[in-house]
Amino acid sequence: LRIGDLVVCEAGDTVPGDGDVVEGVASVD
């Protein structure tokens, strides 16, 4: 992953890198 890439995370996924949520809302452990 590079700076600026957009990734999708759903329930059960591990966040692959530091970033900012640009769409949606989720509960995170």
All heavy atoms as atom14 arrays in JSON, in Angstrom:
{
  "sequence": "LRIGDLVVCEAGDTVPGDGDVVEGVASVD",
  "atom14_mask": [
    [1, 1, 1, 1, 1, 1, 1, 1, 0, 0, 0, 0, 0, 0],
    [1, 1, 1, 1, 1, 1, 1, 1, 1, 1, 1, 0, 0, 0],
    [1, 1, 1, 1, 1, 1, 1, 1, 0, 0, 0, 0, 0, 0],
    [1, 1, 1, 1, 0, 0, 0, 0, 0, 0, 0, 0, 0, 0],
    [1, 1, 1, 1, 1, 1, 1, 1, 0, 0, 0, 0, 0, 0],
    [1, 1, 1, 1, 1, 1, 1, 1, 0, 0, 0, 0, 0, 0],
    [1, 1, 1, 1, 1, 1, 1, 0, 0, 0, 0, 0, 0, 0],
    [1, 1, 1, 1, 1, 1, 1, 0, 0, 0, 0, 0, 0, 0],
    [1, 1, 1, 1, 1, 1, 0, 0, 0, 0, 0, 0, 0, 0],
    [1, 1, 1, 1, 1, 1, 1, 1, 1, 0, 0, 0, 0, 0],
    [1, 1, 1, 1, 1, 0, 0, 0, 0, 0, 0, 0, 0, 0],
    [1, 1, 1, 1, 0, 0, 0, 0, 0, 0, 0, 0, 0, 0],
    [1, 1, 1, 1, 1, 1, 1, 1, 0, 0, 0, 0, 0, 0],
    [1, 1, 1, 1, 1, 1, 1, 0, 0, 0, 0, 0, 0, 0],
    [1, 1, 1, 1, 1, 1, 1, 0, 0, 0, 0, 0, 0, 0],
    [1, 1, 1, 1, 1, 1, 1, 0, 0, 0, 0, 0, 0, 0],
    [1, 1, 1, 1, 0, 0, 0, 0, 0, 0, 0, 0, 0, 0],
    [1, 1, 1, 1, 1, 1, 1, 1, 0, 0, 0, 0, 0, 0],
    [1, 1, 1, 1, 0, 0, 0, 0, 0, 0, 0, 0, 0, 0],
    [1, 1, 1, 1, 1, 1, 1, 1, 0, 0, 0, 0, 0, 0],
    [1, 1, 1, 1, 1, 1, 1, 0, 0, 0, 0, 0, 0, 0],
    [1, 1, 1, 1, 1, 1, 1, 0, 0, 0, 0, 0, 0, 0],
    [1, 1, 1, 1, 1, 1, 1, 1, 1, 0, 0, 0, 0, 0],
    [1, 1, 1, 1, 0, 0, 0, 0, 0, 0, 0, 0, 0, 0],
    [1, 1, 1, 1, 1, 1, 1, 0, 0, 0, 0, 0, 0, 0],
    [1, 1, 1, 1, 1, 0, 0, 0, 0, 0, 0, 0, 0, 0],
    [1, 1, 1, 1, 1, 1, 0, 0, 0, 0, 0, 0, 0, 0],
    [1, 1, 1, 1, 1, 1, 1, 0, 0, 0, 0, 0, 0, 0],
    [1, 1, 1, 1, 1, 1, 1, 1, 0, 0, 0, 0, 0, 0]
  ],
  "atom14_positions": [
    [[0.83, -1.2, 0.0], [0.0, 0.0, 0.0], [0.87, 1.25, 0.0], [1.95, 1.28, 0.6], [-0.92, 0.01, 1.22], [-1.99, -1.09, 1.26], [-2.73, -1.04, 2.59], [-2.96, -0.94, 0.1], [0.0, 0.0, 0.0], [0.0, 0.0, 0.0], [0.0, 0.0, 0.0], [0.0, 0.0, 0.0], [0.0, 0.0, 0.0], [0.0, 0.0, 0.0]],
    [[0.36, 2.28, -0.65], [1.06, 3.55, -0.72], [0.14, 4.66, -0.22], [-1.07, 4.49, -0.15], [1.51, 3.84, -2.16], [2.54, 2.84, -2.68], [3.85, 2.95, -1.9], [4.84, 1.98, -2.34], [5.06, 0.81, -1.77], [4.32, 0.44, -0.72], [6.0, -0.01, -2.2], [0.0, 0.0, 0.0], [0.0, 0.0, 0.0], [0.0, 0.0, 0.0]],
    [[0.75, 5.8, 0.11], [-0.04, 6.93, 0.59], [-1.08, 7.32, -0.46], [-0.76, 7.46, -1.64], [0.88, 8.12, 0.91], [1.82, 7.76, 2.06], [0.07, 9.37, 1.26], [2.85, 8.83, 2.38], [0.0, 0.0, 0.0], [0.0, 0.0, 0.0], [0.0, 0.0, 0.0], [0.0, 0.0, 0.0], [0.0, 0.0, 0.0], [0.0, 0.0, 0.0]],
    [[-2.32, 7.49, -0.02], [-3.4, 7.88, -0.92], [-4.24, 6.72, -1.4], [-5.34, 6.93, -1.93], [0.0, 0.0, 0.0], [0.0, 0.0, 0.0], [0.0, 0.0, 0.0], [0.0, 0.0, 0.0], [0.0, 0.0, 0.0], [0.0, 0.0, 0.0], [0.0, 0.0, 0.0], [0.0, 0.0, 0.0], [0.0, 0.0, 0.0], [0.0, 0.0, 0.0]],
    [[-3.78, 5.48, -1.23], [-4.57, 4.32, -1.64], [-5.85, 4.24, -0.81], [-5.86, 4.58, 0.38], [-3.78, 3.03, -1.46], [-2.74, 2.83, -2.54], [-2.77, 3.59, -3.53], [-1.91, 1.9, -2.41], [0.0, 0.0, 0.0], [0.0, 0.0, 0.0], [0.0, 0.0, 0.0], [0.0, 0.0, 0.0], [0.0, 0.0, 0.0], [0.0, 0.0, 0.0]],
    [[-6.94, 3.79, -1.46], [-8.2, 3.57, -0.77], [-8.39, 2.07, -0.58], [-8.21, 1.28, -1.51], [-9.37, 4.14, -1.58], [-9.39, 5.65, -1.79], [-10.56, 6.04, -2.68], [-9.48, 6.39, -0.46], [0.0, 0.0, 0.0], [0.0, 0.0, 0.0], [0.0, 0.0, 0.0], [0.0, 0.0, 0.0], [0.0, 0.0, 0.0], [0.0, 0.0, 0.0]],
    [[-8.74, 1.67, 0.64], [-8.97, 0.26, 0.93], [-10.32, 0.11, 1.62], [-10.79, 1.03, 2.3], [-7.86, -0.33, 1.83], [-6.52, -0.3, 1.11], [-7.76, 0.42, 3.15], [0.0, 0.0, 0.0], [0.0, 0.0, 0.0], [0.0, 0.0, 0.0], [0.0, 0.0, 0.0], [0.0, 0.0, 0.0], [0.0, 0.0, 0.0], [0.0, 0.0, 0.0]],
    [[-10.94, -1.05, 1.41], [-12.23, -1.36, 2.02], [-12.0, -2.3, 3.19], [-11.26, -3.28, 3.07], [-13.18, -2.01, 1.0], [-14.48, -2.43, 1.69], [-13.48, -1.05, -0.13], [0.0, 0.0, 0.0], [0.0, 0.0, 0.0], [0.0, 0.0, 0.0], [0.0, 0.0, 0.0], [0.0, 0.0, 0.0], [0.0, 0.0, 0.0], [0.0, 0.0, 0.0]],
    [[-12.62, -2.03, 4.32], [-12.57, -2.93, 5.48], [-13.99, -3.19, 5.95], [-14.78, -2.24, 6.13], [-11.75, -2.31, 6.61], [-9.97, -2.31, 6.31], [0.0, 0.0, 0.0], [0.0, 0.0, 0.0], [0.0, 0.0, 0.0], [0.0, 0.0, 0.0], [0.0, 0.0, 0.0], [0.0, 0.0, 0.0], [0.0, 0.0, 0.0], [0.0, 0.0, 0.0]],
    [[-14.31, -4.46, 6.15], [-15.61, -4.86, 6.66], [-15.43, -5.56, 8.0], [-14.31, -5.78, 8.46], [-16.31, -5.77, 5.66], [-16.65, -5.08, 4.35], [-17.39, -6.0, 3.39], [-16.83, -7.06, 3.04], [-18.51, -5.65, 3.0], [0.0, 0.0, 0.0], [0.0, 0.0, 0.0], [0.0, 0.0, 0.0], [0.0, 0.0, 0.0], [0.0, 0.0, 0.0]],
    [[-16.55, -5.93, 8.63], [-16.51, -6.6, 9.92], [-15.6, -7.82, 9.85], [-15.72, -8.65, 8.96], [-17.91, -7.0, 10.35], [0.0, 0.0, 0.0], [0.0, 0.0, 0.0], [0.0, 0.0, 0.0], [0.0, 0.0, 0.0], [0.0, 0.0, 0.0], [0.0, 0.0, 0.0], [0.0, 0.0, 0.0], [0.0, 0.0, 0.0], [0.0, 0.0, 0.0]],
    [[-14.68, -7.91, 10.8], [-13.75, -9.03, 10.84], [-12.41, -8.75, 10.2], [-11.46, -9.51, 10.4], [0.0, 0.0, 0.0], [0.0, 0.0, 0.0], [0.0, 0.0, 0.0], [0.0, 0.0, 0.0], [0.0, 0.0, 0.0], [0.0, 0.0, 0.0], [0.0, 0.0, 0.0], [0.0, 0.0, 0.0], [0.0, 0.0, 0.0], [0.0, 0.0, 0.0]],
    [[-12.31, -7.68, 9.41], [-11.06, -7.35, 8.73], [-10.09, -6.64, 9.68], [-10.51, -5.89, 10.57], [-11.3, -6.45, 7.52], [-12.01, -7.17, 6.39], [-12.03, -8.42, 6.42], [-12.54, -6.5, 5.49], [0.0, 0.0, 0.0], [0.0, 0.0, 0.0], [0.0, 0.0, 0.0], [0.0, 0.0, 0.0], [0.0, 0.0, 0.0], [0.0, 0.0, 0.0]],
    [[-8.82, -6.85, 9.45], [-7.78, -6.1, 10.14], [-7.39, -4.91, 9.29], [-7.17, -5.06, 8.08], [-6.54, -6.98, 10.39], [-6.91, -8.08, 11.24], [-5.44, -6.18, 11.07], [0.0, 0.0, 0.0], [0.0, 0.0, 0.0], [0.0, 0.0, 0.0], [0.0, 0.0, 0.0], [0.0, 0.0, 0.0], [0.0, 0.0, 0.0], [0.0, 0.0, 0.0]],
    [[-7.33, -3.74, 9.91], [-6.95, -2.53, 9.17], [-5.51, -2.69, 8.69], [-4.61, -2.92, 9.5], [-7.1, -1.28, 10.07], [-6.63, -0.04, 9.32], [-8.54, -1.12, 10.52], [0.0, 0.0, 0.0], [0.0, 0.0, 0.0], [0.0, 0.0, 0.0], [0.0, 0.0, 0.0], [0.0, 0.0, 0.0], [0.0, 0.0, 0.0], [0.0, 0.0, 0.0]],
    [[-5.26, -2.6, 7.38], [-3.94, -2.91, 6.84], [-2.88, -1.83, 7.06], [-1.7, -2.09, 6.89], [-4.21, -3.11, 5.35], [-5.39, -2.25, 5.07], [-6.24, -2.3, 6.31], [0.0, 0.0, 0.0], [0.0, 0.0, 0.0], [0.0, 0.0, 0.0], [0.0, 0.0, 0.0], [0.0, 0.0, 0.0], [0.0, 0.0, 0.0], [0.0, 0.0, 0.0]],
    [[-3.28, -0.61, 7.39], [-2.31, 0.46, 7.59], [-2.97, 1.69, 8.18], [-4.21, 1.78, 8.23], [0.0, 0.0, 0.0], [0.0, 0.0, 0.0], [0.0, 0.0, 0.0], [0.0, 0.0, 0.0], [0.0, 0.0, 0.0], [0.0, 0.0, 0.0], [0.0, 0.0, 0.0], [0.0, 0.0, 0.0], [0.0, 0.0, 0.0], [0.0, 0.0, 0.0]],
    [[-2.16, 2.62, 8.64], [-2.7, 3.86, 9.21], [-3.44, 4.64, 8.12], [-2.99, 4.72, 6.98], [-1.58, 4.73, 9.76], [-0.92, 4.11, 10.97], [-1.33, 3.01, 11.37], [0.02, 4.72, 11.51], [0.0, 0.0, 0.0], [0.0, 0.0, 0.0], [0.0, 0.0, 0.0], [0.0, 0.0, 0.0], [0.0, 0.0, 0.0], [0.0, 0.0, 0.0]],
    [[-4.55, 5.26, 8.51], [-5.29, 6.05, 7.55], [-6.45, 6.77, 8.16], [-6.62, 6.78, 9.4], [0.0, 0.0, 0.0], [0.0, 0.0, 0.0], [0.0, 0.0, 0.0], [0.0, 0.0, 0.0], [0.0, 0.0, 0.0], [0.0, 0.0, 0.0], [0.0, 0.0, 0.0], [0.0, 0.0, 0.0], [0.0, 0.0, 0.0], [0.0, 0.0, 0.0]],
    [[-7.27, 7.39, 7.32], [-8.46, 8.11, 7.75], [-9.68, 7.51, 7.05], [-9.63, 7.21, 5.85], [-8.36, 9.6, 7.4], [-7.26, 10.3, 8.18], [-7.1, 9.99, 9.37], [-6.57, 11.15, 7.6], [0.0, 0.0, 0.0], [0.0, 0.0, 0.0], [0.0, 0.0, 0.0], [0.0, 0.0, 0.0], [0.0, 0.0, 0.0], [0.0, 0.0, 0.0]],
    [[-10.75, 7.34, 7.81], [-12.01, 6.86, 7.23], [-12.59, 7.98, 6.36], [-12.79, 9.09, 6.84], [-13.01, 6.46, 8.33], [-14.35, 6.06, 7.71], [-12.46, 5.31, 9.16], [0.0, 0.0, 0.0], [0.0, 0.0, 0.0], [0.0, 0.0, 0.0], [0.0, 0.0, 0.0], [0.0, 0.0, 0.0], [0.0, 0.0, 0.0], [0.0, 0.0, 0.0]],
    [[-12.83, 7.69, 5.08], [-13.38, 8.69, 4.17], [-14.84, 8.43, 3.85], [-15.53, 9.33, 3.38], [-12.55, 8.78, 2.87], [-11.15, 9.28, 3.16], [-12.48, 7.44, 2.16], [0.0, 0.0, 0.0], [0.0, 0.0, 0.0], [0.0, 0.0, 0.0], [0.0, 0.0, 0.0], [0.0, 0.0, 0.0], [0.0, 0.0, 0.0], [0.0, 0.0, 0.0]],
    [[-15.3, 7.2, 4.1], [-16.72, 6.9, 3.92], [-17.12, 5.84, 4.91], [-16.38, 4.88, 5.16], [-17.0, 6.41, 2.49], [-16.81, 7.46, 1.41], [-17.29, 6.96, 0.05], [-18.42, 6.45, -0.03], [-16.52, 7.09, -0.9], [0.0, 0.0, 0.0], [0.0, 0.0, 0.0], [0.0, 0.0, 0.0], [0.0, 0.0, 0.0], [0.0, 0.0, 0.0]],
    [[-18.32, 6.0, 5.49], [-18.88, 4.99, 6.38], [-18.56, 5.23, 7.84], [-17.88, 6.18, 8.22], [0.0, 0.0, 0.0], [0.0, 0.0, 0.0], [0.0, 0.0, 0.0], [0.0, 0.0, 0.0], [0.0, 0.0, 0.0], [0.0, 0.0, 0.0], [0.0, 0.0, 0.0], [0.0, 0.0, 0.0], [0.0, 0.0, 0.0], [0.0, 0.0, 0.0]],
    [[-19.08, 4.33, 8.67], [-18.87, 4.37, 10.11], [-18.78, 2.92, 10.58], [-19.48, 2.05, 10.07], [-20.01, 5.12, 10.83], [-21.36, 4.5, 10.53], [-19.77, 5.16, 12.34], [0.0, 0.0, 0.0], [0.0, 0.0, 0.0], [0.0, 0.0, 0.0], [0.0, 0.0, 0.0], [0.0, 0.0, 0.0], [0.0, 0.0, 0.0], [0.0, 0.0, 0.0]],
    [[-17.9, 2.65, 11.52], [-17.71, 1.28, 11.98], [-17.25, 1.27, 13.42], [-16.71, 2.26, 13.94], [-16.69, 0.56, 11.09], [0.0, 0.0, 0.0], [0.0, 0.0, 0.0], [0.0, 0.0, 0.0], [0.0, 0.0, 0.0], [0.0, 0.0, 0.0], [0.0, 0.0, 0.0], [0.0, 0.0, 0.0], [0.0, 0.0, 0.0], [0.0, 0.0, 0.0]],
    [[-17.45, 0.14, 14.07], [-16.93, -0.09, 15.41], [-15.6, -0.8, 15.25], [-15.47, -1.77, 14.5], [-17.91, -0.96, 16.2], [-17.4, -1.27, 17.47], [0.0, 0.0, 0.0], [0.0, 0.0, 0.0], [0.0, 0.0, 0.0], [0.0, 0.0, 0.0], [0.0, 0.0, 0.0], [0.0, 0.0, 0.0], [0.0, 0.0, 0.0], [0.0, 0.0, 0.0]],
    [[-14.57, -0.32, 15.97], [-13.22, -0.83, 15.8], [-12.66, -1.27, 17.15], [-12.81, -0.58, 18.16], [-12.3, 0.26, 15.18], [-10.87, -0.27, 15.03], [-12.84, 0.71, 13.83], [0.0, 0.0, 0.0], [0.0, 0.0, 0.0], [0.0, 0.0, 0.0], [0.0, 0.0, 0.0], [0.0, 0.0, 0.0], [0.0, 0.0, 0.0], [0.0, 0.0, 0.0]],
    [[-12.01, -2.45, 17.15], [-11.35, -2.96, 18.34], [-9.9, -2.49, 18.32], [-9.12, -2.93, 17.48], [-11.42, -4.49, 18.35], [-10.66, -5.12, 19.52], [-10.26, -4.36, 20.42], [-10.47, -6.35, 19.52], [0.0, 0.0, 0.0], [0.0, 0.0, 0.0], [0.0, 0.0, 0.0], [0.0, 0.0, 0.0], [0.0, 0.0, 0.0], [0.0, 0.0, 0.0]]
  ]
}
